[in-house]
Amino acid sequence: MYRRTVLLVQAALLVVGATACADARDSVDSLRSEADELTETAAFCLSVTRAIAAIEAGSPVTAADAAAEVLARAPDDLRDDARLVIDTVQRARDGDRGALEEPEFTAAVDRLWSRTRERCDPTA
């Protein structure tokens, strides 16, 4: 009887230990996923900031490079504005300086910047 009780206690401890290990593994996987998502969001935020700073500085070559990165990292809801921005800064880079004054472009930049601040502001 004593031996049976000891075996039952050991079996219960193994089950509890296995459950704890599974919970720890799930927690680590969750943290890893959150870290990957946070890294991707930070990279997106920085690329938008870089693109807009280059646009404001009048540097279409730098803006085109940064806008390409924005488009590559843009969430689905910002992809259309990011695509319009890259197309326009590429035109400016290729010599069409008036492209940066088009109302559609400035509206897309404003929307992109506003939505990015909402997404990237740690105090929001």
N, C-alpha and C. Protein backbone atom coordinates (compact mmCIF):
# COMPACT_ATOMS: atom_id res chain seq x y z
N MET A 1 0.81 -1.18 0.00
CA MET A 1 0.00 0.00 0.00
C MET A 1 0.87 1.26 0.00
N TYR A 2 1.92 1.27 0.85
CA TYR A 2 2.82 2.41 0.91
C TYR A 2 3.49 2.63 -0.44
N ARG A 3 3.92 1.57 -1.06
CA ARG A 3 4.60 1.65 -2.36
C ARG A 3 3.65 2.23 -3.43
N ARG A 4 2.41 1.81 -3.37
CA ARG A 4 1.42 2.29 -4.32
C ARG A 4 1.19 3.79 -4.13
N THR A 5 1.13 4.25 -2.90
CA THR A 5 0.94 5.67 -2.60
C THR A 5 2.13 6.48 -3.11
N VAL A 6 3.33 5.95 -2.88
CA VAL A 6 4.53 6.63 -3.35
C VAL A 6 4.51 6.72 -4.87
N LEU A 7 4.12 5.66 -5.55
CA LEU A 7 4.05 5.67 -7.01
C LEU A 7 3.02 6.68 -7.50
N LEU A 8 1.87 6.76 -6.84
CA LEU A 8 0.85 7.72 -7.22
C LEU A 8 1.34 9.16 -7.02
N VAL A 9 2.03 9.41 -5.92
CA VAL A 9 2.57 10.74 -5.65
C VAL A 9 3.62 11.10 -6.71
N GLN A 10 4.49 10.16 -7.04
CA GLN A 10 5.50 10.40 -8.06
C GLN A 10 4.86 10.67 -9.42
N ALA A 11 3.84 9.90 -9.74
CA ALA A 11 3.14 10.12 -11.01
C ALA A 11 2.49 11.50 -11.04
N ALA A 12 1.88 11.89 -9.93
CA ALA A 12 1.25 13.21 -9.85
C ALA A 12 2.30 14.32 -10.01
N LEU A 13 3.45 14.15 -9.38
CA LEU A 13 4.52 15.14 -9.51
C LEU A 13 5.03 15.24 -10.94
N LEU A 14 5.12 14.11 -11.62
CA LEU A 14 5.54 14.12 -13.02
C LEU A 14 4.54 14.88 -13.90
N VAL A 15 3.25 14.65 -13.64
CA VAL A 15 2.22 15.34 -14.40
C VAL A 15 2.29 16.85 -14.14
N VAL A 16 2.41 17.23 -12.88
CA VAL A 16 2.51 18.65 -12.53
C VAL A 16 3.76 19.26 -13.14
N GLY A 17 4.88 18.56 -13.08
CA GLY A 17 6.13 19.05 -13.66
C GLY A 17 6.02 19.21 -15.17
N ALA A 18 5.42 18.24 -15.82
CA ALA A 18 5.25 18.31 -17.27
C ALA A 18 4.35 19.49 -17.66
N THR A 19 3.31 19.71 -16.88
CA THR A 19 2.40 20.83 -17.13
C THR A 19 3.14 22.15 -16.94
N ALA A 20 3.94 22.25 -15.90
CA ALA A 20 4.70 23.47 -15.65
C ALA A 20 5.68 23.74 -16.79
N CYS A 21 6.32 22.69 -17.28
CA CYS A 21 7.25 22.85 -18.40
C CYS A 21 6.51 23.32 -19.66
N ALA A 22 5.36 22.74 -19.90
CA ALA A 22 4.56 23.13 -21.07
C ALA A 22 4.13 24.59 -20.94
N ASP A 23 3.71 25.00 -19.74
CA ASP A 23 3.32 26.40 -19.53
C ASP A 23 4.50 27.34 -19.74
N ALA A 24 5.67 26.93 -19.24
CA ALA A 24 6.87 27.76 -19.41
C ALA A 24 7.23 27.87 -20.89
N ARG A 25 7.14 26.76 -21.62
CA ARG A 25 7.44 26.77 -23.05
C ARG A 25 6.45 27.68 -23.79
N ASP A 26 5.17 27.59 -23.44
CA ASP A 26 4.17 28.46 -24.06
C ASP A 26 4.45 29.93 -23.76
N SER A 27 4.88 30.23 -22.53
CA SER A 27 5.20 31.61 -22.17
C SER A 27 6.40 32.12 -22.96
N VAL A 28 7.41 31.29 -23.11
CA VAL A 28 8.59 31.68 -23.88
C VAL A 28 8.21 31.90 -25.34
N ASP A 29 7.40 31.01 -25.90
CA ASP A 29 6.96 31.17 -27.29
C ASP A 29 6.16 32.45 -27.47
N SER A 30 5.31 32.76 -26.51
CA SER A 30 4.51 33.98 -26.57
C SER A 30 5.40 35.22 -26.49
N LEU A 31 6.36 35.21 -25.59
CA LEU A 31 7.28 36.33 -25.47
C LEU A 31 8.11 36.51 -26.74
N ARG A 32 8.53 35.41 -27.32
CA ARG A 32 9.32 35.48 -28.56
C ARG A 32 8.48 36.10 -29.68
N SER A 33 7.22 35.68 -29.77
CA SER A 33 6.33 36.21 -30.80
C SER A 33 6.09 37.71 -30.58
N GLU A 34 5.87 38.11 -29.34
CA GLU A 34 5.67 39.52 -29.03
C GLU A 34 6.92 40.34 -29.34
N ALA A 35 8.08 39.79 -29.06
CA ALA A 35 9.33 40.49 -29.34
C ALA A 35 9.52 40.66 -30.85
N ASP A 36 9.21 39.63 -31.62
CA ASP A 36 9.31 39.73 -33.08
C ASP A 36 8.38 40.80 -33.62
N GLU A 37 7.15 40.82 -33.10
CA GLU A 37 6.17 41.81 -33.54
C GLU A 37 6.61 43.22 -33.17
N LEU A 38 7.13 43.38 -31.96
CA LEU A 38 7.60 44.69 -31.51
C LEU A 38 8.79 45.16 -32.35
N THR A 39 9.68 44.25 -32.70
CA THR A 39 10.83 44.59 -33.54
C THR A 39 10.37 45.05 -34.91
N GLU A 40 9.42 44.34 -35.49
CA GLU A 40 8.90 44.70 -36.81
C GLU A 40 8.20 46.06 -36.76
N THR A 41 7.43 46.30 -35.71
CA THR A 41 6.74 47.59 -35.55
C THR A 41 7.75 48.72 -35.41
N ALA A 42 8.78 48.51 -34.61
CA ALA A 42 9.80 49.54 -34.42
C ALA A 42 10.52 49.85 -35.73
N ALA A 43 10.83 48.81 -36.49
CA ALA A 43 11.50 49.02 -37.79
C ALA A 43 10.60 49.81 -38.74
N PHE A 44 9.31 49.50 -38.73
CA PHE A 44 8.35 50.24 -39.56
C PHE A 44 8.31 51.71 -39.12
N CYS A 45 8.19 51.95 -37.83
CA CYS A 45 8.11 53.31 -37.31
C CYS A 45 9.35 54.12 -37.70
N LEU A 46 10.51 53.52 -37.57
CA LEU A 46 11.75 54.21 -37.93
C LEU A 46 11.84 54.49 -39.42
N SER A 47 11.38 53.55 -40.23
CA SER A 47 11.45 53.77 -41.68
C SER A 47 10.50 54.88 -42.11
N VAL A 48 9.33 54.98 -41.50
CA VAL A 48 8.40 56.08 -41.81
C VAL A 48 9.02 57.41 -41.40
N THR A 49 9.59 57.45 -40.22
CA THR A 49 10.23 58.67 -39.74
C THR A 49 11.36 59.09 -40.68
N ARG A 50 12.16 58.14 -41.10
CA ARG A 50 13.27 58.42 -42.01
C ARG A 50 12.75 58.94 -43.36
N ALA A 51 11.71 58.32 -43.88
CA ALA A 51 11.15 58.74 -45.18
C ALA A 51 10.59 60.15 -45.10
N ILE A 52 9.83 60.43 -44.06
CA ILE A 52 9.23 61.76 -43.95
C ILE A 52 10.29 62.82 -43.71
N ALA A 53 11.30 62.51 -42.92
CA ALA A 53 12.39 63.47 -42.71
C ALA A 53 13.11 63.77 -44.03
N ALA A 54 13.32 62.74 -44.84
CA ALA A 54 13.98 62.93 -46.14
C ALA A 54 13.11 63.74 -47.09
N ILE A 55 11.80 63.51 -47.04
CA ILE A 55 10.88 64.28 -47.89
C ILE A 55 10.93 65.75 -47.47
N GLU A 56 10.86 65.99 -46.18
CA GLU A 56 10.87 67.37 -45.68
C GLU A 56 12.21 68.05 -45.96
N ALA A 57 13.29 67.28 -45.98
CA ALA A 57 14.62 67.84 -46.25
C ALA A 57 14.86 68.03 -47.74
N GLY A 58 13.94 67.54 -48.57
CA GLY A 58 14.09 67.68 -50.01
C GLY A 58 15.12 66.73 -50.59
N SER A 59 15.22 65.54 -50.01
CA SER A 59 16.18 64.54 -50.48
C SER A 59 15.43 63.34 -51.08
N PRO A 60 15.04 63.43 -52.34
CA PRO A 60 14.23 62.36 -52.93
C PRO A 60 14.95 61.02 -53.04
N VAL A 61 16.27 61.00 -53.14
CA VAL A 61 17.00 59.73 -53.21
C VAL A 61 16.87 58.99 -51.88
N THR A 62 17.14 59.69 -50.78
CA THR A 62 17.01 59.09 -49.46
C THR A 62 15.54 58.74 -49.18
N ALA A 63 14.64 59.64 -49.58
CA ALA A 63 13.21 59.40 -49.37
C ALA A 63 12.75 58.15 -50.13
N ALA A 64 13.25 57.95 -51.33
CA ALA A 64 12.86 56.77 -52.12
C ALA A 64 13.34 55.49 -51.45
N ASP A 65 14.57 55.51 -50.95
CA ASP A 65 15.10 54.33 -50.25
C ASP A 65 14.26 54.02 -49.00
N ALA A 66 14.00 55.06 -48.22
CA ALA A 66 13.23 54.88 -46.99
C ALA A 66 11.79 54.47 -47.30
N ALA A 67 11.20 55.06 -48.34
CA ALA A 67 9.82 54.72 -48.70
C ALA A 67 9.72 53.27 -49.16
N ALA A 68 10.75 52.77 -49.82
CA ALA A 68 10.75 51.35 -50.22
C ALA A 68 10.73 50.46 -48.98
N GLU A 69 11.46 50.86 -47.95
CA GLU A 69 11.45 50.10 -46.70
C GLU A 69 10.09 50.20 -46.01
N VAL A 70 9.48 51.39 -46.06
CA VAL A 70 8.14 51.57 -45.50
C VAL A 70 7.16 50.61 -46.17
N LEU A 71 7.20 50.58 -47.49
CA LEU A 71 6.27 49.72 -48.22
C LEU A 71 6.50 48.25 -47.88
N ALA A 72 7.75 47.86 -47.73
CA ALA A 72 8.06 46.46 -47.40
C ALA A 72 7.55 46.08 -46.01
N ARG A 73 7.49 47.05 -45.10
CA ARG A 73 7.09 46.76 -43.72
C ARG A 73 5.68 47.22 -43.37
N ALA A 74 5.01 47.89 -44.28
CA ALA A 74 3.71 48.50 -43.99
C ALA A 74 2.64 47.46 -43.69
N PRO A 75 1.86 47.70 -42.63
CA PRO A 75 0.70 46.86 -42.38
C PRO A 75 -0.31 47.04 -43.51
N ASP A 76 -1.18 46.10 -43.67
CA ASP A 76 -2.14 46.12 -44.78
C ASP A 76 -2.93 47.42 -44.86
N ASP A 77 -3.32 47.98 -43.71
CA ASP A 77 -4.15 49.18 -43.72
C ASP A 77 -3.39 50.44 -44.14
N LEU A 78 -2.07 50.37 -44.24
CA LEU A 78 -1.27 51.52 -44.65
C LEU A 78 -0.56 51.30 -45.99
N ARG A 79 -0.77 50.16 -46.57
CA ARG A 79 -0.03 49.78 -47.78
C ARG A 79 -0.35 50.70 -48.98
N ASP A 80 -1.60 51.08 -49.16
CA ASP A 80 -1.95 51.94 -50.30
C ASP A 80 -1.27 53.30 -50.20
N ASP A 81 -1.31 53.91 -49.02
CA ASP A 81 -0.63 55.20 -48.84
C ASP A 81 0.88 55.04 -49.01
N ALA A 82 1.44 53.97 -48.49
CA ALA A 82 2.88 53.73 -48.63
C ALA A 82 3.25 53.56 -50.11
N ARG A 83 2.42 52.88 -50.85
CA ARG A 83 2.68 52.68 -52.29
C ARG A 83 2.63 54.02 -53.04
N LEU A 84 1.64 54.86 -52.72
CA LEU A 84 1.54 56.17 -53.36
C LEU A 84 2.76 57.02 -53.02
N VAL A 85 3.20 56.97 -51.77
CA VAL A 85 4.38 57.75 -51.36
C VAL A 85 5.61 57.28 -52.12
N ILE A 86 5.84 56.00 -52.20
CA ILE A 86 7.04 55.52 -52.90
C ILE A 86 6.99 55.86 -54.38
N ASP A 87 5.83 55.71 -54.99
CA ASP A 87 5.72 56.04 -56.42
C ASP A 87 6.04 57.52 -56.65
N THR A 88 5.55 58.37 -55.78
CA THR A 88 5.75 59.81 -55.94
C THR A 88 7.20 60.21 -55.68
N VAL A 89 7.81 59.68 -54.63
CA VAL A 89 9.21 60.07 -54.36
C VAL A 89 10.15 59.49 -55.42
N GLN A 90 9.78 58.38 -56.00
CA GLN A 90 10.59 57.85 -57.11
C GLN A 90 10.50 58.77 -58.33
N ARG A 91 9.31 59.30 -58.57
CA ARG A 91 9.16 60.28 -59.67
C ARG A 91 10.00 61.52 -59.38
N ALA A 92 9.98 61.97 -58.12
CA ALA A 92 10.78 63.14 -57.74
C ALA A 92 12.27 62.85 -57.88
N ARG A 93 12.66 61.66 -57.47
CA ARG A 93 14.07 61.25 -57.60
C ARG A 93 14.50 61.25 -59.07
N ASP A 94 13.58 60.89 -59.94
CA ASP A 94 13.88 60.83 -61.37
C ASP A 94 13.74 62.18 -62.06
N GLY A 95 13.47 63.26 -61.29
CA GLY A 95 13.48 64.60 -61.86
C GLY A 95 12.17 65.36 -61.79
N ASP A 96 11.07 64.71 -61.44
CA ASP A 96 9.77 65.39 -61.37
C ASP A 96 9.57 65.98 -59.97
N ARG A 97 10.25 67.10 -59.71
CA ARG A 97 10.20 67.73 -58.38
C ARG A 97 8.79 68.20 -58.01
N GLY A 98 7.97 68.50 -58.97
CA GLY A 98 6.61 68.93 -58.70
C GLY A 98 5.74 67.83 -58.11
N ALA A 99 6.18 66.58 -58.25
CA ALA A 99 5.41 65.45 -57.73
C ALA A 99 5.20 65.56 -56.22
N LEU A 100 6.20 66.12 -55.52
CA LEU A 100 6.11 66.23 -54.06
C LEU A 100 5.11 67.28 -53.60
N GLU A 101 4.59 68.07 -54.53
CA GLU A 101 3.60 69.10 -54.20
C GLU A 101 2.17 68.66 -54.52
N GLU A 102 2.00 67.50 -55.10
CA GLU A 102 0.66 67.04 -55.48
C GLU A 102 -0.20 66.79 -54.24
N PRO A 103 -1.47 67.22 -54.27
CA PRO A 103 -2.35 67.06 -53.11
C PRO A 103 -2.53 65.60 -52.67
N GLU A 104 -2.57 64.69 -53.63
CA GLU A 104 -2.74 63.27 -53.27
C GLU A 104 -1.54 62.78 -52.47
N PHE A 105 -0.36 63.24 -52.87
CA PHE A 105 0.86 62.85 -52.17
C PHE A 105 0.89 63.41 -50.75
N THR A 106 0.61 64.71 -50.62
CA THR A 106 0.66 65.30 -49.29
C THR A 106 -0.41 64.70 -48.38
N ALA A 107 -1.56 64.38 -48.93
CA ALA A 107 -2.61 63.72 -48.13
C ALA A 107 -2.17 62.33 -47.69
N ALA A 108 -1.51 61.59 -48.59
CA ALA A 108 -1.03 60.25 -48.25
C ALA A 108 0.05 60.32 -47.17
N VAL A 109 0.95 61.30 -47.30
CA VAL A 109 2.00 61.47 -46.28
C VAL A 109 1.37 61.81 -44.94
N ASP A 110 0.39 62.71 -44.94
CA ASP A 110 -0.28 63.09 -43.69
C ASP A 110 -0.97 61.89 -43.05
N ARG A 111 -1.68 61.09 -43.85
CA ARG A 111 -2.35 59.91 -43.30
C ARG A 111 -1.34 58.91 -42.78
N LEU A 112 -0.30 58.68 -43.54
CA LEU A 112 0.72 57.72 -43.15
C LEU A 112 1.38 58.16 -41.85
N TRP A 113 1.73 59.43 -41.75
CA TRP A 113 2.37 59.94 -40.55
C TRP A 113 1.43 59.87 -39.34
N SER A 114 0.19 60.26 -39.54
CA SER A 114 -0.79 60.23 -38.45
C SER A 114 -1.03 58.81 -37.94
N ARG A 115 -1.26 57.90 -38.86
CA ARG A 115 -1.53 56.51 -38.47
C ARG A 115 -0.29 55.85 -37.88
N THR A 116 0.88 56.25 -38.34
CA THR A 116 2.12 55.69 -37.79
C THR A 116 2.32 56.18 -36.37
N ARG A 117 2.07 57.45 -36.13
CA ARG A 117 2.18 57.96 -34.75
C ARG A 117 1.24 57.22 -33.82
N GLU A 118 0.01 56.96 -34.27
CA GLU A 118 -0.94 56.20 -33.45
C GLU A 118 -0.39 54.83 -33.14
N ARG A 119 0.19 54.19 -34.13
CA ARG A 119 0.69 52.83 -33.99
C ARG A 119 1.99 52.79 -33.19
N CYS A 120 2.80 53.83 -33.28
CA CYS A 120 4.16 53.78 -32.73
C CYS A 120 4.34 54.53 -31.42
N ASP A 121 3.40 55.39 -31.07
CA ASP A 121 3.55 56.18 -29.85
C ASP A 121 3.37 55.29 -28.62
N PRO A 122 4.41 55.14 -27.81
CA PRO A 122 4.30 54.25 -26.65
C PRO A 122 3.36 54.77 -25.58
N THR A 123 2.99 56.03 -25.64
CA THR A 123 2.08 56.58 -24.64
C THR A 123 0.63 56.47 -25.05
N ALA A 124 0.39 56.03 -26.29
CA ALA A 124 -0.99 55.94 -26.78
C ALA A 124 -1.69 54.71 -26.23
